[in-house]
Amino acid sequence: METRVAVLAIIVQEGASVDTLNDLLHQYGKYIIGRMGVPYHQRGVNVISVAMDAPADVISALSGKIGAIDGISVKTVYSNVIHTE
């Protein structure tokens, strides 16, 4: 199986969507290396980065599901290094 390291950059603008986001991240927990969240009170948003090591289709699926949540924006950056197990 080929895996890649990627980082999901997530902007949460709607606090009511946080539970849905956390449920999704929990479902994909075995692929998550770590996450960091920073509240930006001046703008009323939260900035979250999620580092993953997973097959590209898994990363893409999670990013798509997160992007479909109201009040949340997401962009994904992939490493160029592919690891084969």
N, C-alpha and C. Protein backbone atom coordinates (compact mmCIF):
# COMPACT_ATOMS: atom_id res chain seq x y z
N MET A 1 0.84 -1.17 0.00
CA MET A 1 0.00 0.00 0.00
C MET A 1 0.89 1.24 0.00
N GLU A 2 0.58 2.19 -0.87
CA GLU A 2 1.31 3.45 -0.94
C GLU A 2 0.66 4.49 -0.05
N THR A 3 1.47 5.16 0.75
CA THR A 3 0.96 6.24 1.60
C THR A 3 1.77 7.50 1.35
N ARG A 4 1.15 8.62 1.67
CA ARG A 4 1.81 9.92 1.56
C ARG A 4 1.57 10.70 2.84
N VAL A 5 2.48 11.60 3.10
CA VAL A 5 2.30 12.52 4.22
C VAL A 5 1.61 13.76 3.65
N ALA A 6 0.61 14.23 4.36
CA ALA A 6 -0.13 15.41 3.93
C ALA A 6 -0.54 16.23 5.15
N VAL A 7 -0.85 17.49 4.90
CA VAL A 7 -1.35 18.37 5.94
C VAL A 7 -2.66 18.97 5.46
N LEU A 8 -3.70 18.85 6.28
CA LEU A 8 -4.98 19.49 6.01
C LEU A 8 -5.02 20.79 6.78
N ALA A 9 -5.24 21.89 6.08
CA ALA A 9 -5.40 23.20 6.70
C ALA A 9 -6.90 23.48 6.76
N ILE A 10 -7.42 23.61 7.97
CA ILE A 10 -8.86 23.73 8.18
C ILE A 10 -9.16 25.06 8.87
N ILE A 11 -10.13 25.79 8.32
CA ILE A 11 -10.61 27.03 8.94
C ILE A 11 -12.05 26.79 9.36
N VAL A 12 -12.31 26.92 10.65
CA VAL A 12 -13.67 26.73 11.18
C VAL A 12 -14.27 28.10 11.46
N GLN A 13 -15.32 28.42 10.72
CA GLN A 13 -15.98 29.71 10.88
C GLN A 13 -17.29 29.57 11.65
N GLU A 14 -17.79 28.36 11.74
CA GLU A 14 -19.09 28.10 12.38
C GLU A 14 -18.89 27.11 13.52
N GLY A 15 -18.97 27.60 14.76
CA GLY A 15 -18.74 26.76 15.93
C GLY A 15 -19.66 25.56 16.03
N ALA A 16 -20.85 25.67 15.47
CA ALA A 16 -21.81 24.56 15.53
C ALA A 16 -21.33 23.35 14.71
N SER A 17 -20.34 23.54 13.84
CA SER A 17 -19.85 22.45 12.99
C SER A 17 -18.71 21.66 13.63
N VAL A 18 -18.25 22.10 14.77
CA VAL A 18 -17.07 21.48 15.40
C VAL A 18 -17.31 20.03 15.77
N ASP A 19 -18.48 19.69 16.28
CA ASP A 19 -18.75 18.30 16.66
C ASP A 19 -18.69 17.37 15.45
N THR A 20 -19.24 17.80 14.34
CA THR A 20 -19.19 17.00 13.11
C THR A 20 -17.75 16.82 12.65
N LEU A 21 -16.98 17.89 12.70
CA LEU A 21 -15.57 17.82 12.32
C LEU A 21 -14.81 16.86 13.23
N ASN A 22 -15.00 16.96 14.54
CA ASN A 22 -14.30 16.08 15.47
C ASN A 22 -14.70 14.62 15.27
N ASP A 23 -15.96 14.36 14.94
CA ASP A 23 -16.39 12.98 14.66
C ASP A 23 -15.64 12.42 13.45
N LEU A 24 -15.52 13.22 12.41
CA LEU A 24 -14.79 12.77 11.21
C LEU A 24 -13.32 12.51 11.52
N LEU A 25 -12.70 13.42 12.23
CA LEU A 25 -11.29 13.24 12.58
C LEU A 25 -11.10 11.99 13.43
N HIS A 26 -12.04 11.70 14.30
CA HIS A 26 -11.96 10.49 15.11
C HIS A 26 -12.05 9.24 14.23
N GLN A 27 -12.93 9.26 13.23
CA GLN A 27 -13.08 8.12 12.32
C GLN A 27 -11.78 7.83 11.55
N TYR A 28 -11.02 8.86 11.24
CA TYR A 28 -9.78 8.70 10.49
C TYR A 28 -8.55 8.73 11.39
N GLY A 29 -8.76 8.55 12.67
CA GLY A 29 -7.70 8.68 13.67
C GLY A 29 -6.48 7.82 13.43
N LYS A 30 -6.64 6.64 12.85
CA LYS A 30 -5.47 5.77 12.66
C LYS A 30 -4.48 6.32 11.63
N TYR A 31 -4.93 7.29 10.83
CA TYR A 31 -4.06 7.90 9.83
C TYR A 31 -3.48 9.24 10.28
N ILE A 32 -3.95 9.76 11.39
CA ILE A 32 -3.55 11.10 11.83
C ILE A 32 -2.28 11.03 12.67
N ILE A 33 -1.28 11.78 12.25
CA ILE A 33 -0.02 11.85 12.98
C ILE A 33 -0.18 12.80 14.17
N GLY A 34 -0.83 13.94 13.91
CA GLY A 34 -1.05 14.93 14.97
C GLY A 34 -1.91 16.06 14.44
N ARG A 35 -2.40 16.85 15.37
CA ARG A 35 -3.22 18.00 14.99
C ARG A 35 -2.96 19.15 15.94
N MET A 36 -3.16 20.35 15.42
CA MET A 36 -2.97 21.54 16.23
C MET A 36 -4.09 22.52 15.89
N GLY A 37 -4.71 23.06 16.92
CA GLY A 37 -5.77 24.03 16.72
C GLY A 37 -5.42 25.34 17.40
N VAL A 38 -5.69 26.43 16.70
CA VAL A 38 -5.39 27.76 17.22
C VAL A 38 -6.64 28.62 17.09
N PRO A 39 -7.20 29.06 18.20
CA PRO A 39 -8.34 29.97 18.09
C PRO A 39 -7.86 31.37 17.73
N TYR A 40 -8.54 32.00 16.80
CA TYR A 40 -8.21 33.36 16.40
C TYR A 40 -9.41 34.22 16.76
N HIS A 41 -9.43 34.66 18.01
CA HIS A 41 -10.60 35.35 18.56
C HIS A 41 -10.93 36.66 17.84
N GLN A 42 -9.92 37.37 17.37
CA GLN A 42 -10.15 38.64 16.69
C GLN A 42 -11.00 38.48 15.44
N ARG A 43 -10.89 37.34 14.77
CA ARG A 43 -11.64 37.09 13.55
C ARG A 43 -12.79 36.11 13.75
N GLY A 44 -12.88 35.55 14.93
CA GLY A 44 -13.97 34.62 15.23
C GLY A 44 -13.87 33.30 14.51
N VAL A 45 -12.63 32.85 14.24
CA VAL A 45 -12.42 31.57 13.57
C VAL A 45 -11.42 30.73 14.36
N ASN A 46 -11.36 29.47 14.02
CA ASN A 46 -10.35 28.56 14.55
C ASN A 46 -9.56 28.00 13.37
N VAL A 47 -8.24 27.95 13.53
CA VAL A 47 -7.37 27.42 12.50
C VAL A 47 -6.83 26.09 13.00
N ILE A 48 -7.04 25.05 12.21
CA ILE A 48 -6.63 23.70 12.61
C ILE A 48 -5.75 23.11 11.52
N SER A 49 -4.63 22.51 11.91
CA SER A 49 -3.82 21.75 10.96
C SER A 49 -3.81 20.29 11.41
N VAL A 50 -3.96 19.41 10.45
CA VAL A 50 -3.98 17.98 10.72
C VAL A 50 -2.93 17.31 9.84
N ALA A 51 -1.92 16.70 10.43
CA ALA A 51 -0.89 15.98 9.70
C ALA A 51 -1.31 14.52 9.59
N MET A 52 -1.21 13.97 8.36
CA MET A 52 -1.65 12.60 8.12
C MET A 52 -0.58 11.81 7.37
N ASP A 53 -0.62 10.50 7.54
CA ASP A 53 0.16 9.56 6.73
C ASP A 53 -0.83 8.49 6.31
N ALA A 54 -1.25 8.54 5.03
CA ALA A 54 -2.34 7.67 4.58
C ALA A 54 -2.29 7.53 3.06
N PRO A 55 -3.02 6.55 2.52
CA PRO A 55 -3.16 6.49 1.07
C PRO A 55 -3.82 7.76 0.56
N ALA A 56 -3.47 8.17 -0.65
CA ALA A 56 -3.97 9.42 -1.21
C ALA A 56 -5.50 9.45 -1.26
N ASP A 57 -6.13 8.31 -1.55
CA ASP A 57 -7.60 8.30 -1.62
C ASP A 57 -8.24 8.51 -0.26
N VAL A 58 -7.59 8.08 0.80
CA VAL A 58 -8.11 8.29 2.16
C VAL A 58 -7.99 9.77 2.53
N ILE A 59 -6.85 10.36 2.21
CA ILE A 59 -6.65 11.79 2.50
C ILE A 59 -7.67 12.62 1.73
N SER A 60 -7.85 12.29 0.47
CA SER A 60 -8.80 13.01 -0.36
C SER A 60 -10.24 12.85 0.15
N ALA A 61 -10.58 11.65 0.57
CA ALA A 61 -11.93 11.40 1.08
C ALA A 61 -12.20 12.22 2.34
N LEU A 62 -11.24 12.24 3.26
CA LEU A 62 -11.43 13.03 4.48
C LEU A 62 -11.54 14.51 4.15
N SER A 63 -10.68 15.00 3.29
CA SER A 63 -10.72 16.41 2.91
C SER A 63 -12.06 16.76 2.28
N GLY A 64 -12.57 15.90 1.42
CA GLY A 64 -13.87 16.15 0.80
C GLY A 64 -15.01 16.18 1.79
N LYS A 65 -14.97 15.26 2.75
CA LYS A 65 -16.02 15.22 3.78
C LYS A 65 -15.97 16.45 4.67
N ILE A 66 -14.76 16.88 5.01
CA ILE A 66 -14.62 18.09 5.83
C ILE A 66 -15.11 19.30 5.06
N GLY A 67 -14.75 19.39 3.79
CA GLY A 67 -15.16 20.52 2.97
C GLY A 67 -16.66 20.62 2.78
N ALA A 68 -17.37 19.51 2.96
CA ALA A 68 -18.82 19.51 2.80
C ALA A 68 -19.56 19.99 4.05
N ILE A 69 -18.84 20.19 5.14
CA ILE A 69 -19.46 20.65 6.38
C ILE A 69 -19.67 22.16 6.29
N ASP A 70 -20.87 22.60 6.62
CA ASP A 70 -21.18 24.04 6.60
C ASP A 70 -20.27 24.81 7.56
N GLY A 71 -19.73 25.92 7.08
CA GLY A 71 -18.93 26.79 7.94
C GLY A 71 -17.49 26.36 8.09
N ILE A 72 -17.04 25.39 7.27
CA ILE A 72 -15.66 24.92 7.36
C ILE A 72 -15.03 24.93 5.97
N SER A 73 -13.79 25.43 5.90
CA SER A 73 -13.01 25.40 4.66
C SER A 73 -11.79 24.53 4.90
N VAL A 74 -11.35 23.81 3.85
CA VAL A 74 -10.19 22.94 3.98
C VAL A 74 -9.38 22.94 2.69
N LYS A 75 -8.07 22.90 2.84
CA LYS A 75 -7.14 22.72 1.73
C LYS A 75 -6.12 21.68 2.16
N THR A 76 -5.64 20.90 1.20
CA THR A 76 -4.71 19.83 1.51
C THR A 76 -3.41 20.02 0.74
N VAL A 77 -2.30 19.81 1.44
CA VAL A 77 -0.98 19.85 0.83
C VAL A 77 -0.36 18.47 0.98
N TYR A 78 0.07 17.90 -0.15
CA TYR A 78 0.67 16.56 -0.15
C TYR A 78 2.19 16.66 -0.28
N SER A 79 2.88 15.74 0.39
CA SER A 79 4.33 15.63 0.19
C SER A 79 4.58 14.95 -1.15
N ASN A 80 5.79 15.11 -1.67
CA ASN A 80 6.16 14.44 -2.91
C ASN A 80 6.68 13.03 -2.66
N VAL A 81 6.90 12.70 -1.41
CA VAL A 81 7.46 11.40 -1.07
C VAL A 81 6.34 10.38 -0.88
N ILE A 82 6.45 9.27 -1.61
CA ILE A 82 5.48 8.18 -1.50
C ILE A 82 6.16 7.02 -0.80
N HIS A 83 5.51 6.49 0.22
CA HIS A 83 6.05 5.36 0.99
C HIS A 83 5.28 4.10 0.62
N THR A 84 5.96 3.04 0.30
CA THR A 84 5.32 1.78 -0.03
C THR A 84 5.59 0.78 1.07
N GLU A 85 4.52 0.20 1.59
CA GLU A 85 4.67 -0.81 2.66
C GLU A 85 4.69 -2.19 2.06
